Amino acid sequence: MLVDGGINPSEQERQQQAEREAVKAAAAALAVTVGGAWAAYVAERREHWGERHYLDHVAIARAGGEPVKRGKGVIQPGPLAVFMSQQLRALTPEAVESWAAREAKTRPTQARLALRLLRAFLAWCKND
């Protein structure tokens, strides 16, 4: 019946399969978390960085809560830890602005470094 209508059944099946894959890829892209993208970013860019720069990226995004190596207490979460569980598409300029204002009050130097690293990360996401 399709052939009588001038439609190639195998071509139609390939188009439908491509559409299904595109929908699946779009859904996966929407589900990406900041933490997942950050891990991919750090893994991809590590060879271009020195050890200190790499460790800054790890510390800035660290969840915290682990015991410190010396002394008592636990490691505090990194400044960007609040974003790591969020979806990447939920990372809006307004959210970053309010986060930066809060962080600047308690740890301004780390907040400034975190903001610079976050901007580079977002530029990487945009290009990738």
PDB file of N, CA and C in Angstrom:
ATOM      1  N   MET A   1       0.822  -1.186   0.000  1.00  0.00           N
ATOM      2  CA  MET A   1       0.000   0.000   0.000  1.00  0.00           C
ATOM      3  C   MET A   1       0.879   1.268   0.000  1.00  0.00           C
ATOM      4  N   LEU A   2       1.958   1.257   0.779  1.00  0.00           N
ATOM      5  CA  LEU A   2       2.850   2.405   0.798  1.00  0.00           C
ATOM      6  C   LEU A   2       3.556   2.585  -0.537  1.00  0.00           C
ATOM      7  N   VAL A   3       3.947   1.448  -1.137  1.00  0.00           N
ATOM      8  CA  VAL A   3       4.643   1.506  -2.425  1.00  0.00           C
ATOM      9  C   VAL A   3       3.724   2.079  -3.494  1.00  0.00           C
ATOM     10  N   ASP A   4       2.454   1.706  -3.440  1.00  0.00           N
ATOM     11  CA  ASP A   4       1.487   2.242  -4.393  1.00  0.00           C
ATOM     12  C   ASP A   4       1.361   3.759  -4.253  1.00  0.00           C
ATOM     13  N   GLY A   5       1.578   4.266  -3.045  1.00  0.00           N
ATOM     14  CA  GLY A   5       1.493   5.706  -2.800  1.00  0.00           C
ATOM     15  C   GLY A   5       2.806   6.418  -3.111  1.00  0.00           C
ATOM     16  N   GLY A   6       3.805   5.705  -3.580  1.00  0.00           N
ATOM     17  CA  GLY A   6       5.096   6.302  -3.929  1.00  0.00           C
ATOM     18  C   GLY A   6       6.024   6.476  -2.738  1.00  0.00           C
ATOM     19  N   ILE A   7       5.762   5.747  -1.643  1.00  0.00           N
ATOM     20  CA  ILE A   7       6.590   5.848  -0.438  1.00  0.00           C
ATOM     21  C   ILE A   7       7.417   4.576  -0.306  1.00  0.00           C
ATOM     22  N   ASN A   8       8.700   4.755  -0.103  1.00  0.00           N
ATOM     23  CA  ASN A   8       9.602   3.624   0.106  1.00  0.00           C
ATOM     24  C   ASN A   8       9.509   3.214   1.575  1.00  0.00           C
ATOM     25  N   PRO A   9       9.025   2.004   1.886  1.00  0.00           N
ATOM     26  CA  PRO A   9       8.843   1.592   3.282  1.00  0.00           C
ATOM     27  C   PRO A   9      10.144   1.599   4.087  1.00  0.00           C
ATOM     28  N   SER A  10      11.237   1.191   3.481  1.00  0.00           N
ATOM     29  CA  SER A  10      12.491   1.170   4.234  1.00  0.00           C
ATOM     30  C   SER A  10      12.965   2.600   4.521  1.00  0.00           C
ATOM     31  N   GLU A  11      12.758   3.509   3.583  1.00  0.00           N
ATOM     32  CA  GLU A  11      13.126   4.909   3.798  1.00  0.00           C
ATOM     33  C   GLU A  11      12.247   5.523   4.892  1.00  0.00           C
ATOM     34  N   GLN A  12      10.975   5.203   4.880  1.00  0.00           N
ATOM     35  CA  GLN A  12      10.066   5.716   5.908  1.00  0.00           C
ATOM     36  C   GLN A  12      10.481   5.192   7.285  1.00  0.00           C
ATOM     37  N   GLU A  13      10.880   3.928   7.377  1.00  0.00           N
ATOM     38  CA  GLU A  13      11.320   3.349   8.646  1.00  0.00           C
ATOM     39  C   GLU A  13      12.592   4.040   9.142  1.00  0.00           C
ATOM     40  N   ARG A  14      13.528   4.339   8.243  1.00  0.00           N
ATOM     41  CA  ARG A  14      14.753   5.052   8.627  1.00  0.00           C
ATOM     42  C   ARG A  14      14.427   6.449   9.152  1.00  0.00           C
ATOM     43  N   GLN A  15      13.495   7.138   8.508  1.00  0.00           N
ATOM     44  CA  GLN A  15      13.114   8.470   8.971  1.00  0.00           C
ATOM     45  C   GLN A  15      12.468   8.412  10.349  1.00  0.00           C
ATOM     46  N   GLN A  16      11.607   7.439  10.556  1.00  0.00           N
ATOM     47  CA  GLN A  16      10.952   7.300  11.858  1.00  0.00           C
ATOM     48  C   GLN A  16      11.976   6.975  12.943  1.00  0.00           C
ATOM     49  N   GLN A  17      12.943   6.117  12.618  1.00  0.00           N
ATOM     50  CA  GLN A  17      13.988   5.771  13.573  1.00  0.00           C
ATOM     51  C   GLN A  17      14.829   6.995  13.914  1.00  0.00           C
ATOM     52  N   ALA A  18      15.154   7.806  12.910  1.00  0.00           N
ATOM     53  CA  ALA A  18      15.926   9.029  13.137  1.00  0.00           C
ATOM     54  C   ALA A  18      15.143  10.006  14.018  1.00  0.00           C
ATOM     55  N   GLU A  19      13.854  10.114  13.811  1.00  0.00           N
ATOM     56  CA  GLU A  19      13.019  10.988  14.635  1.00  0.00           C
ATOM     57  C   GLU A  19      12.978  10.500  16.078  1.00  0.00           C
ATOM     58  N   ARG A  20      12.855   9.186  16.274  1.00  0.00           N
ATOM     59  CA  ARG A  20      12.840   8.626  17.628  1.00  0.00           C
ATOM     60  C   ARG A  20      14.163   8.894  18.338  1.00  0.00           C
ATOM     61  N   GLU A  21      15.275   8.742  17.613  1.00  0.00           N
ATOM     62  CA  GLU A  21      16.589   8.991  18.203  1.00  0.00           C
ATOM     63  C   GLU A  21      16.776  10.470  18.539  1.00  0.00           C
ATOM     64  N   ALA A  22      16.254  11.354  17.707  1.00  0.00           N
ATOM     65  CA  ALA A  22      16.358  12.787  17.973  1.00  0.00           C
ATOM     66  C   ALA A  22      15.568  13.169  19.224  1.00  0.00           C
ATOM     67  N   VAL A  23      14.401  12.601  19.378  1.00  0.00           N
ATOM     68  CA  VAL A  23      13.589  12.864  20.570  1.00  0.00           C
ATOM     69  C   VAL A  23      14.302  12.333  21.813  1.00  0.00           C
ATOM     70  N   LYS A  24      14.881  11.152  21.706  1.00  0.00           N
ATOM     71  CA  LYS A  24      15.597  10.564  22.830  1.00  0.00           C
ATOM     72  C   LYS A  24      16.819  11.408  23.199  1.00  0.00           C
ATOM     73  N   ALA A  25      17.548  11.898  22.202  1.00  0.00           N
ATOM     74  CA  ALA A  25      18.728  12.742  22.456  1.00  0.00           C
ATOM     75  C   ALA A  25      18.323  14.065  23.093  1.00  0.00           C
ATOM     76  N   ALA A  26      17.217  14.636  22.649  1.00  0.00           N
ATOM     77  CA  ALA A  26      16.745  15.893  23.224  1.00  0.00           C
ATOM     78  C   ALA A  26      16.348  15.700  24.687  1.00  0.00           C
ATOM     79  N   ALA A  27      15.700  14.588  24.988  1.00  0.00           N
ATOM     80  CA  ALA A  27      15.315  14.306  26.371  1.00  0.00           C
ATOM     81  C   ALA A  27      16.547  14.100  27.244  1.00  0.00           C
ATOM     82  N   ALA A  28      17.544  13.423  26.723  1.00  0.00           N
ATOM     83  CA  ALA A  28      18.780  13.213  27.478  1.00  0.00           C
ATOM     84  C   ALA A  28      19.497  14.534  27.721  1.00  0.00           C
ATOM     85  N   ALA A  29      19.493  15.413  26.743  1.00  0.00           N
ATOM     86  CA  ALA A  29      20.151  16.712  26.891  1.00  0.00           C
ATOM     87  C   ALA A  29      19.462  17.552  27.967  1.00  0.00           C
ATOM     88  N   LEU A  30      18.157  17.444  28.071  1.00  0.00           N
ATOM     89  CA  LEU A  30      17.425  18.209  29.081  1.00  0.00           C
ATOM     90  C   LEU A  30      17.668  17.672  30.486  1.00  0.00           C
ATOM     91  N   ALA A  31      18.032  16.393  30.589  1.00  0.00           N
ATOM     92  CA  ALA A  31      18.226  15.769  31.891  1.00  0.00           C
ATOM     93  C   ALA A  31      19.650  15.918  32.425  1.00  0.00           C
ATOM     94  N   VAL A  32      20.539  16.531  31.677  1.00  0.00           N
ATOM     95  CA  VAL A  32      21.937  16.676  32.098  1.00  0.00           C
ATOM     96  C   VAL A  32      22.020  17.581  33.317  1.00  0.00           C
ATOM     97  N   THR A  33      22.729  17.111  34.343  1.00  0.00           N
ATOM     98  CA  THR A  33      22.933  17.935  35.529  1.00  0.00           C
ATOM     99  C   THR A  33      24.222  18.727  35.391  1.00  0.00           C
ATOM    100  N   VAL A  34      24.328  19.754  36.190  1.00  0.00           N
ATOM    101  CA  VAL A  34      25.550  20.560  36.194  1.00  0.00           C
ATOM    102  C   VAL A  34      26.725  19.675  36.606  1.00  0.00           C
ATOM    103  N   GLY A  35      26.517  18.816  37.586  1.00  0.00           N
ATOM    104  CA  GLY A  35      27.585  17.929  38.056  1.00  0.00           C
ATOM    105  C   GLY A  35      28.072  16.977  36.978  1.00  0.00           C
ATOM    106  N   GLY A  36      27.146  16.435  36.206  1.00  0.00           N
ATOM    107  CA  GLY A  36      27.535  15.539  35.116  1.00  0.00           C
ATOM    108  C   GLY A  36      28.319  16.257  34.038  1.00  0.00           C
ATOM    109  N   ALA A  37      27.844  17.436  33.677  1.00  0.00           N
ATOM    110  CA  ALA A  37      28.545  18.221  32.659  1.00  0.00           C
ATOM    111  C   ALA A  37      29.885  18.709  33.200  1.00  0.00           C
ATOM    112  N   TRP A  38      29.935  19.076  34.479  1.00  0.00           N
ATOM    113  CA  TRP A  38      31.183  19.544  35.091  1.00  0.00           C
ATOM    114  C   TRP A  38      32.234  18.425  35.056  1.00  0.00           C
ATOM    115  N   ALA A  39      31.809  17.197  35.378  1.00  0.00           N
ATOM    116  CA  ALA A  39      32.741  16.064  35.355  1.00  0.00           C
ATOM    117  C   ALA A  39      33.287  15.840  33.945  1.00  0.00           C
ATOM    118  N   ALA A  40      32.421  15.937  32.940  1.00  0.00           N
ATOM    119  CA  ALA A  40      32.873  15.782  31.555  1.00  0.00           C
ATOM    120  C   ALA A  40      33.823  16.905  31.171  1.00  0.00           C
ATOM    121  N   TYR A  41      33.517  18.114  31.605  1.00  0.00           N
ATOM    122  CA  TYR A  41      34.356  19.277  31.320  1.00  0.00           C
ATOM    123  C   TYR A  41      35.743  19.110  31.931  1.00  0.00           C
ATOM    124  N   VAL A  42      35.792  18.745  33.188  1.00  0.00           N
ATOM    125  CA  VAL A  42      37.069  18.585  33.880  1.00  0.00           C
ATOM    126  C   VAL A  42      37.889  17.462  33.239  1.00  0.00           C
ATOM    127  N   ALA A  43      37.227  16.361  32.895  1.00  0.00           N
ATOM    128  CA  ALA A  43      37.939  15.243  32.271  1.00  0.00           C
ATOM    129  C   ALA A  43      38.503  15.636  30.904  1.00  0.00           C
ATOM    130  N   GLU A  44      37.724  16.366  30.132  1.00  0.00           N
ATOM    131  CA  GLU A  44      38.174  16.751  28.795  1.00  0.00           C
ATOM    132  C   GLU A  44      39.283  17.800  28.826  1.00  0.00           C
ATOM    133  N   ARG A  45      39.181  18.739  29.739  1.00  0.00           N
ATOM    134  CA  ARG A  45      40.124  19.863  29.762  1.00  0.00           C
ATOM    135  C   ARG A  45      41.368  19.615  30.609  1.00  0.00           C
ATOM    136  N   ARG A  46      41.401  18.554  31.400  1.00  0.00           N
ATOM    137  CA  ARG A  46      42.497  18.325  32.355  1.00  0.00           C
ATOM    138  C   ARG A  46      43.874  18.341  31.700  1.00  0.00           C
ATOM    139  N   GLU A  47      44.006  17.782  30.528  1.00  0.00           N
ATOM    140  CA  GLU A  47      45.318  17.726  29.878  1.00  0.00           C
ATOM    141  C   GLU A  47      45.856  19.111  29.519  1.00  0.00           C
ATOM    142  N   HIS A  48      44.988  20.101  29.485  1.00  0.00           N
ATOM    143  CA  HIS A  48      45.397  21.466  29.158  1.00  0.00           C
ATOM    144  C   HIS A  48      45.722  22.301  30.399  1.00  0.00           C
ATOM    145  N   TRP A  49      45.461  21.752  31.572  1.00  0.00           N
ATOM    146  CA  TRP A  49      45.628  22.478  32.814  1.00  0.00           C
ATOM    147  C   TRP A  49      46.817  21.967  33.603  1.00  0.00           C
ATOM    148  N   GLY A  50      47.314  22.824  34.474  1.00  0.00           N
ATOM    149  CA  GLY A  50      48.302  22.398  35.454  1.00  0.00           C
ATOM    150  C   GLY A  50      47.589  21.715  36.614  1.00  0.00           C
ATOM    151  N   GLU A  51      48.378  21.108  37.491  1.00  0.00           N
ATOM    152  CA  GLU A  51      47.809  20.368  38.618  1.00  0.00           C
ATOM    153  C   GLU A  51      47.017  21.284  39.553  1.00  0.00           C
ATOM    154  N   ARG A  52      47.530  22.480  39.845  1.00  0.00           N
ATOM    155  CA  ARG A  52      46.848  23.401  40.752  1.00  0.00           C
ATOM    156  C   ARG A  52      45.500  23.841  40.185  1.00  0.00           C
ATOM    157  N   HIS A  53      45.456  24.128  38.892  1.00  0.00           N
ATOM    158  CA  HIS A  53      44.211  24.560  38.261  1.00  0.00           C
ATOM    159  C   HIS A  53      43.178  23.433  38.295  1.00  0.00           C
ATOM    160  N   TYR A  54      43.629  22.225  38.038  1.00  0.00           N
ATOM    161  CA  TYR A  54      42.739  21.065  38.106  1.00  0.00           C
ATOM    162  C   TYR A  54      42.187  20.905  39.525  1.00  0.00           C
ATOM    163  N   LEU A  55      43.060  20.990  40.524  1.00  0.00           N
ATOM    164  CA  LEU A  55      42.614  20.842  41.911  1.00  0.00           C
ATOM    165  C   LEU A  55      41.650  21.949  42.327  1.00  0.00           C
ATOM    166  N   ASP A  56      41.822  23.144  41.769  1.00  0.00           N
ATOM    167  CA  ASP A  56      40.864  24.219  42.030  1.00  0.00           C
ATOM    168  C   ASP A  56      39.478  23.833  41.523  1.00  0.00           C
ATOM    169  N   HIS A  57      39.403  23.248  40.339  1.00  0.00           N
ATOM    170  CA  HIS A  57      38.119  22.822  39.786  1.00  0.00           C
ATOM    171  C   HIS A  57      37.471  21.746  40.664  1.00  0.00           C
ATOM    172  N   VAL A  58      38.277  20.829  41.151  1.00  0.00           N
ATOM    173  CA  VAL A  58      37.747  19.762  42.013  1.00  0.00           C
ATOM    174  C   VAL A  58      37.242  20.354  43.327  1.00  0.00           C
ATOM    175  N   ALA A  59      38.022  21.229  43.944  1.00  0.00           N
ATOM    176  CA  ALA A  59      37.652  21.798  45.241  1.00  0.00           C
ATOM    177  C   ALA A  59      36.445  22.710  45.144  1.00  0.00           C
ATOM    178  N   ILE A  60      36.342  23.467  44.086  1.00  0.00           N
ATOM    179  CA  ILE A  60      35.235  24.411  43.921  1.00  0.00           C
ATOM    180  C   ILE A  60      33.900  23.677  43.829  1.00  0.00           C
ATOM    181  N   ALA A  61      33.907  22.481  43.271  1.00  0.00           N
ATOM    182  CA  ALA A  61      32.663  21.733  43.069  1.00  0.00           C
ATOM    183  C   ALA A  61      32.445  20.630  44.101  1.00  0.00           C
ATOM    184  N   ARG A  62      33.367  20.448  45.022  1.00  0.00           N
ATOM    185  CA  ARG A  62      33.301  19.354  46.000  1.00  0.00           C
ATOM    186  C   ARG A  62      32.036  19.449  46.853  1.00  0.00           C
ATOM    187  N   ALA A  63      31.425  18.307  47.109  1.00  0.00           N
ATOM    188  CA  ALA A  63      30.196  18.259  47.900  1.00  0.00           C
ATOM    189  C   ALA A  63      30.464  18.531  49.379  1.00  0.00           C
ATOM    190  N   GLY A  64      31.630  18.170  49.853  1.00  0.00           N
ATOM    191  CA  GLY A  64      31.956  18.377  51.261  1.00  0.00           C
ATOM    192  C   GLY A  64      31.396  17.269  52.129  1.00  0.00           C
ATOM    193  N   GLY A  65      31.583  17.425  53.424  1.00  0.00           N
ATOM    194  CA  GLY A  65      31.063  16.448  54.369  1.00  0.00           C
ATOM    195  C   GLY A  65      32.062  15.376  54.767  1.00  0.00           C
ATOM    196  N   GLU A  66      33.183  15.248  54.046  1.00  0.00           N
ATOM    197  CA  GLU A  66      34.183  14.246  54.409  1.00  0.00           C
ATOM    198  C   GLU A  66      34.993  14.763  55.591  1.00  0.00           C
ATOM    199  N   PRO A  67      35.516  13.860  56.416  1.00  0.00           N
ATOM    200  CA  PRO A  67      36.349  14.335  57.531  1.00  0.00           C
ATOM    201  C   PRO A  67      37.650  14.948  57.012  1.00  0.00           C
ATOM    202  N   VAL A  68      38.131  15.960  57.702  1.00  0.00           N
ATOM    203  CA  VAL A  68      39.387  16.589  57.320  1.00  0.00           C
ATOM    204  C   VAL A  68      40.531  15.628  57.598  1.00  0.00           C
ATOM    205  N   LYS A  69      41.648  15.795  56.879  1.00  0.00           N
ATOM    206  CA  LYS A  69      42.778  14.880  57.058  1.00  0.00           C
ATOM    207  C   LYS A  69      43.519  15.149  58.365  1.00  0.00           C
ATOM    208  N   ARG A  70      43.590  16.424  58.744  1.00  0.00           N
ATOM    209  CA  ARG A  70      44.245  16.784  59.998  1.00  0.00           C
ATOM    210  C   ARG A  70      43.265  17.561  60.865  1.00  0.00           C
ATOM    211  N   GLY A  71      43.235  17.240  62.109  1.00  0.00           N
ATOM    212  CA  GLY A  71      42.346  17.950  63.016  1.00  0.00           C
ATOM    213  C   GLY A  71      40.955  17.334  63.067  1.00  0.00           C
ATOM    214  N   LYS A  72      40.016  18.130  63.545  1.00  0.00           N
ATOM    215  CA  LYS A  72      38.639  17.662  63.696  1.00  0.00           C
ATOM    216  C   LYS A  72      37.744  18.452  62.765  1.00  0.00           C
ATOM    217  N   GLY A  73      36.618  17.890  62.461  1.00  0.00           N
ATOM    218  CA  GLY A  73      35.644  18.577  61.622  1.00  0.00           C
ATOM    219  C   GLY A  73      35.496  17.903  60.259  1.00  0.00           C
ATOM    220  N   VAL A  74      34.742  18.560  59.428  1.00  0.00           N
ATOM    221  CA  VAL A  74      34.488  18.033  58.091  1.00  0.00           C
ATOM    222  C   VAL A  74      34.802  19.107  57.055  1.00  0.00           C
ATOM    223  N   ILE A  75      35.040  18.660  55.857  1.00  0.00           N
ATOM    224  CA  ILE A  75      35.329  19.573  54.760  1.00  0.00           C
ATOM    225  C   ILE A  75      34.040  20.280  54.357  1.00  0.00           C
ATOM    226  N   GLN A  76      34.128  21.575  54.207  1.00  0.00           N
ATOM    227  CA  GLN A  76      32.973  22.373  53.798  1.00  0.00           C
ATOM    228  C   GLN A  76      32.718  22.177  52.301  1.00  0.00           C
ATOM    229  N   PRO A  77      31.466  22.271  51.879  1.00  0.00           N
ATOM    230  CA  PRO A  77      31.175  22.178  50.447  1.00  0.00           C
ATOM    231  C   PRO A  77      31.835  23.315  49.682  1.00  0.00           C
ATOM    232  N   GLY A  78      32.236  23.030  48.443  1.00  0.00           N
ATOM    233  CA  GLY A  78      32.801  24.070  47.594  1.00  0.00           C
ATOM    234  C   GLY A  78      31.725  25.067  47.197  1.00  0.00           C
ATOM    235  N   PRO A  79      32.122  26.227  46.751  1.00  0.00           N
ATOM    236  CA  PRO A  79      31.140  27.253  46.397  1.00  0.00           C
ATOM    237  C   PRO A  79      30.148  26.814  45.319  1.00  0.00           C
ATOM    238  N   LEU A  80      30.579  26.000  44.375  1.00  0.00           N
ATOM    239  CA  LEU A  80      29.677  25.578  43.293  1.00  0.00           C
ATOM    240  C   LEU A  80      28.891  24.318  43.616  1.00  0.00           C
ATOM    241  N   ALA A  81      29.072  23.759  44.796  1.00  0.00           N
ATOM    242  CA  ALA A  81      28.392  22.517  45.156  1.00  0.00           C
ATOM    243  C   ALA A  81      26.874  22.640  45.082  1.00  0.00           C
ATOM    244  N   VAL A  82      26.344  23.825  45.331  1.00  0.00           N
ATOM    245  CA  VAL A  82      24.889  24.011  45.310  1.00  0.00           C
ATOM    246  C   VAL A  82      24.302  23.782  43.920  1.00  0.00           C
ATOM    247  N   PHE A  83      25.103  23.978  42.887  1.00  0.00           N
ATOM    248  CA  PHE A  83      24.613  23.824  41.522  1.00  0.00           C
ATOM    249  C   PHE A  83      24.746  22.398  40.984  1.00  0.00           C
ATOM    250  N   MET A  84      25.580  21.569  41.578  1.00  0.00           N
ATOM    251  CA  MET A  84      25.945  20.290  40.978  1.00  0.00           C
ATOM    252  C   MET A  84      24.773  19.324  40.792  1.00  0.00           C
ATOM    253  N   SER A  85      23.784  19.380  41.632  1.00  0.00           N
ATOM    254  CA  SER A  85      22.653  18.461  41.490  1.00  0.00           C
ATOM    255  C   SER A  85      21.533  19.024  40.614  1.00  0.00           C
ATOM    256  N   GLN A  86      21.642  20.288  40.236  1.00  0.00           N
ATOM    257  CA  GLN A  86      20.608  20.919  39.412  1.00  0.00           C
ATOM    258  C   GLN A  86      20.779  20.544  37.941  1.00  0.00           C
ATOM    259  N   GLN A  87      19.697  20.652  37.208  1.00  0.00           N
ATOM    260  CA  GLN A  87      19.789  20.454  35.770  1.00  0.00           C
ATOM    261  C   GLN A  87      20.526  21.637  35.159  1.00  0.00           C
ATOM    262  N   LEU A  88      21.311  21.360  34.141  1.00  0.00           N
ATOM    263  CA  LEU A  88      22.106  22.394  33.504  1.00  0.00           C
ATOM    264  C   LEU A  88      21.235  23.509  32.952  1.00  0.00           C
ATOM    265  N   ARG A  89      20.078  23.153  32.439  1.00  0.00           N
ATOM    266  CA  ARG A  89      19.200  24.176  31.858  1.00  0.00           C
ATOM    267  C   ARG A  89      18.583  25.082  32.920  1.00  0.00           C
ATOM    268  N   ALA A  90      18.650  24.675  34.192  1.00  0.00           N
ATOM    269  CA  ALA A  90      18.106  25.494  35.279  1.00  0.00           C
ATOM    270  C   ALA A  90      19.124  26.503  35.799  1.00  0.00           C
ATOM    271  N   LEU A  91      20.318  26.477  35.262  1.00  0.00           N
ATOM    272  CA  LEU A  91      21.366  27.395  35.691  1.00  0.00           C
ATOM    273  C   LEU A  91      21.192  28.716  34.947  1.00  0.00           C
ATOM    274  N   THR A  92      20.391  29.588  35.518  1.00  0.00           N
ATOM    275  CA  THR A  92      20.045  30.853  34.881  1.00  0.00           C
ATOM    276  C   THR A  92      20.967  31.972  35.370  1.00  0.00           C
ATOM    277  N   PRO A  93      21.076  33.053  34.620  1.00  0.00           N
ATOM    278  CA  PRO A  93      21.875  34.193  35.088  1.00  0.00           C
ATOM    279  C   PRO A  93      21.392  34.732  36.437  1.00  0.00           C
ATOM    280  N   GLU A  94      20.098  34.708  36.664  1.00  0.00           N
ATOM    281  CA  GLU A  94      19.555  35.194  37.929  1.00  0.00           C
ATOM    282  C   GLU A  94      19.999  34.309  39.093  1.00  0.00           C
ATOM    283  N   ALA A  95      19.987  32.990  38.863  1.00  0.00           N
ATOM    284  CA  ALA A  95      20.416  32.062  39.908  1.00  0.00           C
ATOM    285  C   ALA A  95      21.896  32.259  40.226  1.00  0.00           C
ATOM    286  N   VAL A  96      22.706  32.452  39.205  1.00  0.00           N
ATOM    287  CA  VAL A  96      24.138  32.663  39.406  1.00  0.00           C
ATOM    288  C   VAL A  96      24.382  33.990  40.119  1.00  0.00           C
ATOM    289  N   GLU A  97      23.638  35.013  39.752  1.00  0.00           N
ATOM    290  CA  GLU A  97      23.790  36.325  40.391  1.00  0.00           C
ATOM    291  C   GLU A  97      23.457  36.279  41.876  1.00  0.00           C
ATOM    292  N   SER A  98      22.353  35.647  42.225  1.00  0.00           N
ATOM    293  CA  SER A  98      21.984  35.580  43.640  1.00  0.00           C
ATOM    294  C   SER A  98      22.968  34.705  44.417  1.00  0.00           C
ATOM    295  N   TRP A  99      23.441  33.628  43.795  1.00  0.00           N
ATOM    296  CA  TRP A  99      24.459  32.789  44.426  1.00  0.00           C
ATOM    297  C   TRP A  99      25.729  33.593  44.678  1.00  0.00           C
ATOM    298  N   ALA A 100      26.182  34.357  43.680  1.00  0.00           N
ATOM    299  CA  ALA A 100      27.411  35.144  43.809  1.00  0.00           C
ATOM    300  C   ALA A 100      27.285  36.182  44.919  1.00  0.00           C
ATOM    301  N   ALA A 101      26.132  36.801  45.038  1.00  0.00           N
ATOM    302  CA  ALA A 101      25.923  37.792  46.094  1.00  0.00           C
ATOM    303  C   ALA A 101      26.002  37.144  47.475  1.00  0.00           C
ATOM    304  N   ARG A 102      25.413  35.965  47.623  1.00  0.00           N
ATOM    305  CA  ARG A 102      25.470  35.253  48.909  1.00  0.00           C
ATOM    306  C   ARG A 102      26.890  34.816  49.243  1.00  0.00           C
ATOM    307  N   GLU A 103      27.565  34.218  48.273  1.00  0.00           N
ATOM    308  CA  GLU A 103      28.910  33.691  48.503  1.00  0.00           C
ATOM    309  C   GLU A 103      29.918  34.799  48.768  1.00  0.00           C
ATOM    310  N   ALA A 104      29.763  35.937  48.117  1.00  0.00           N
ATOM    311  CA  ALA A 104      30.710  37.043  48.272  1.00  0.00           C
ATOM    312  C   ALA A 104      30.726  37.578  49.700  1.00  0.00           C
ATOM    313  N   LYS A 105      29.656  37.368  50.431  1.00  0.00           N
ATOM    314  CA  LYS A 105      29.595  37.854  51.812  1.00  0.00           C
ATOM    315  C   LYS A 105      30.441  36.997  52.751  1.00  0.00           C
ATOM    316  N   THR A 106      30.541  35.702  52.474  1.00  0.00           N
ATOM    317  CA  THR A 106      31.231  34.808  53.403  1.00  0.00           C
ATOM    318  C   THR A 106      32.626  34.397  52.944  1.00  0.00           C
ATOM    319  N   ARG A 107      32.825  34.219  51.652  1.00  0.00           N
ATOM    320  CA  ARG A 107      34.139  33.819  51.131  1.00  0.00           C
ATOM    321  C   ARG A 107      34.379  34.463  49.763  1.00  0.00           C
ATOM    322  N   PRO A 108      34.683  35.747  49.758  1.00  0.00           N
ATOM    323  CA  PRO A 108      34.767  36.503  48.507  1.00  0.00           C
ATOM    324  C   PRO A 108      35.831  36.005  47.530  1.00  0.00           C
ATOM    325  N   THR A 109      36.978  35.596  48.022  1.00  0.00           N
ATOM    326  CA  THR A 109      38.040  35.142  47.131  1.00  0.00           C
ATOM    327  C   THR A 109      37.647  33.852  46.426  1.00  0.00           C
ATOM    328  N   GLN A 110      37.126  32.906  47.186  1.00  0.00           N
ATOM    329  CA  GLN A 110      36.682  31.641  46.594  1.00  0.00           C
ATOM    330  C   GLN A 110      35.485  31.854  45.669  1.00  0.00           C
ATOM    331  N   ALA A 111      34.615  32.775  46.033  1.00  0.00           N
ATOM    332  CA  ALA A 111      33.454  33.060  45.191  1.00  0.00           C
ATOM    333  C   ALA A 111      33.892  33.639  43.849  1.00  0.00           C
ATOM    334  N   ARG A 112      34.882  34.506  43.871  1.00  0.00           N
ATOM    335  CA  ARG A 112      35.375  35.104  42.625  1.00  0.00           C
ATOM    336  C   ARG A 112      36.028  34.042  41.740  1.00  0.00           C
ATOM    337  N   LEU A 113      36.837  33.176  42.337  1.00  0.00           N
ATOM    338  CA  LEU A 113      37.447  32.088  41.582  1.00  0.00           C
ATOM    339  C   LEU A 113      36.367  31.160  41.016  1.00  0.00           C
ATOM    340  N   ALA A 114      35.391  30.826  41.842  1.00  0.00           N
ATOM    341  CA  ALA A 114      34.311  29.945  41.402  1.00  0.00           C
ATOM    342  C   ALA A 114      33.534  30.561  40.245  1.00  0.00           C
ATOM    343  N   LEU A 115      33.293  31.846  40.307  1.00  0.00           N
ATOM    344  CA  LEU A 115      32.567  32.524  39.234  1.00  0.00           C
ATOM    345  C   LEU A 115      33.363  32.481  37.926  1.00  0.00           C
ATOM    346  N   ARG A 116      34.668  32.712  38.013  1.00  0.00           N
ATOM    347  CA  ARG A 116      35.512  32.644  36.811  1.00  0.00           C
ATOM    348  C   ARG A 116      35.502  31.242  36.219  1.00  0.00           C
ATOM    349  N   LEU A 117      35.616  30.233  37.073  1.00  0.00           N
ATOM    350  CA  LEU A 117      35.610  28.855  36.590  1.00  0.00           C
ATOM    351  C   LEU A 117      34.238  28.481  36.021  1.00  0.00           C
ATOM    352  N   LEU A 118      33.189  28.960  36.652  1.00  0.00           N
ATOM    353  CA  LEU A 118      31.838  28.684  36.165  1.00  0.00           C
ATOM    354  C   LEU A 118      31.609  29.311  34.798  1.00  0.00           C
ATOM    355  N   ARG A 119      32.082  30.529  34.602  1.00  0.00           N
ATOM    356  CA  ARG A 119      31.929  31.183  33.298  1.00  0.00           C
ATOM    357  C   ARG A 119      32.665  30.419  32.203  1.00  0.00           C
ATOM    358  N   ALA A 120      33.880  29.957  32.505  1.00  0.00           N
ATOM    359  CA  ALA A 120      34.630  29.171  31.519  1.00  0.00           C
ATOM    360  C   ALA A 120      33.904  27.862  31.215  1.00  0.00           C
ATOM    361  N   PHE A 121      33.356  27.246  32.244  1.00  0.00           N
ATOM    362  CA  PHE A 121      32.594  26.011  32.073  1.00  0.00           C
ATOM    363  C   PHE A 121      31.366  26.227  31.190  1.00  0.00           C
ATOM    364  N   LEU A 122      30.640  27.309  31.429  1.00  0.00           N
ATOM    365  CA  LEU A 122      29.445  27.588  30.631  1.00  0.00           C
ATOM    366  C   LEU A 122      29.800  27.893  29.184  1.00  0.00           C
ATOM    367  N   ALA A 123      30.931  28.562  28.966  1.00  0.00           N
ATOM    368  CA  ALA A 123      31.390  28.807  27.595  1.00  0.00           C
ATOM    369  C   ALA A 123      31.713  27.486  26.911  1.00  0.00           C
ATOM    370  N   TRP A 124      32.329  26.568  27.642  1.00  0.00           N
ATOM    371  CA  TRP A 124      32.622  25.238  27.106  1.00  0.00           C
ATOM    372  C   TRP A 124      31.329  24.499  26.758  1.00  0.00           C
ATOM    373  N   CYS A 125      30.336  24.588  27.636  1.00  0.00           N
ATOM    374  CA  CYS A 125      29.049  23.937  27.384  1.00  0.00           C
ATOM    375  C   CYS A 125      28.391  24.503  26.129  1.00  0.00           C
ATOM    376  N   LYS A 126      28.492  25.798  25.955  1.00  0.00           N
ATOM    377  CA  LYS A 126      27.875  26.437  24.808  1.00  0.00           C
ATOM    378  C   LYS A 126      28.532  25.982  23.510  1.00  0.00           C
ATOM    379  N   ASN A 127      29.844  25.799  23.535  1.00  0.00           N
ATOM    380  CA  ASN A 127      30.570  25.392  22.330  1.00  0.00           C
ATOM    381  C   ASN A 127      30.518  23.906  22.082  1.00  0.00           C
ATOM    382  N   ASP A 128      30.246  23.124  23.101  1.00  0.00           N
ATOM    383  CA  ASP A 128      30.287  21.668  22.948  1.00  0.00           C
ATOM    384  C   ASP A 128      28.994  21.086  22.493  1.00  0.00           C
TER     385      ASP A 128
END
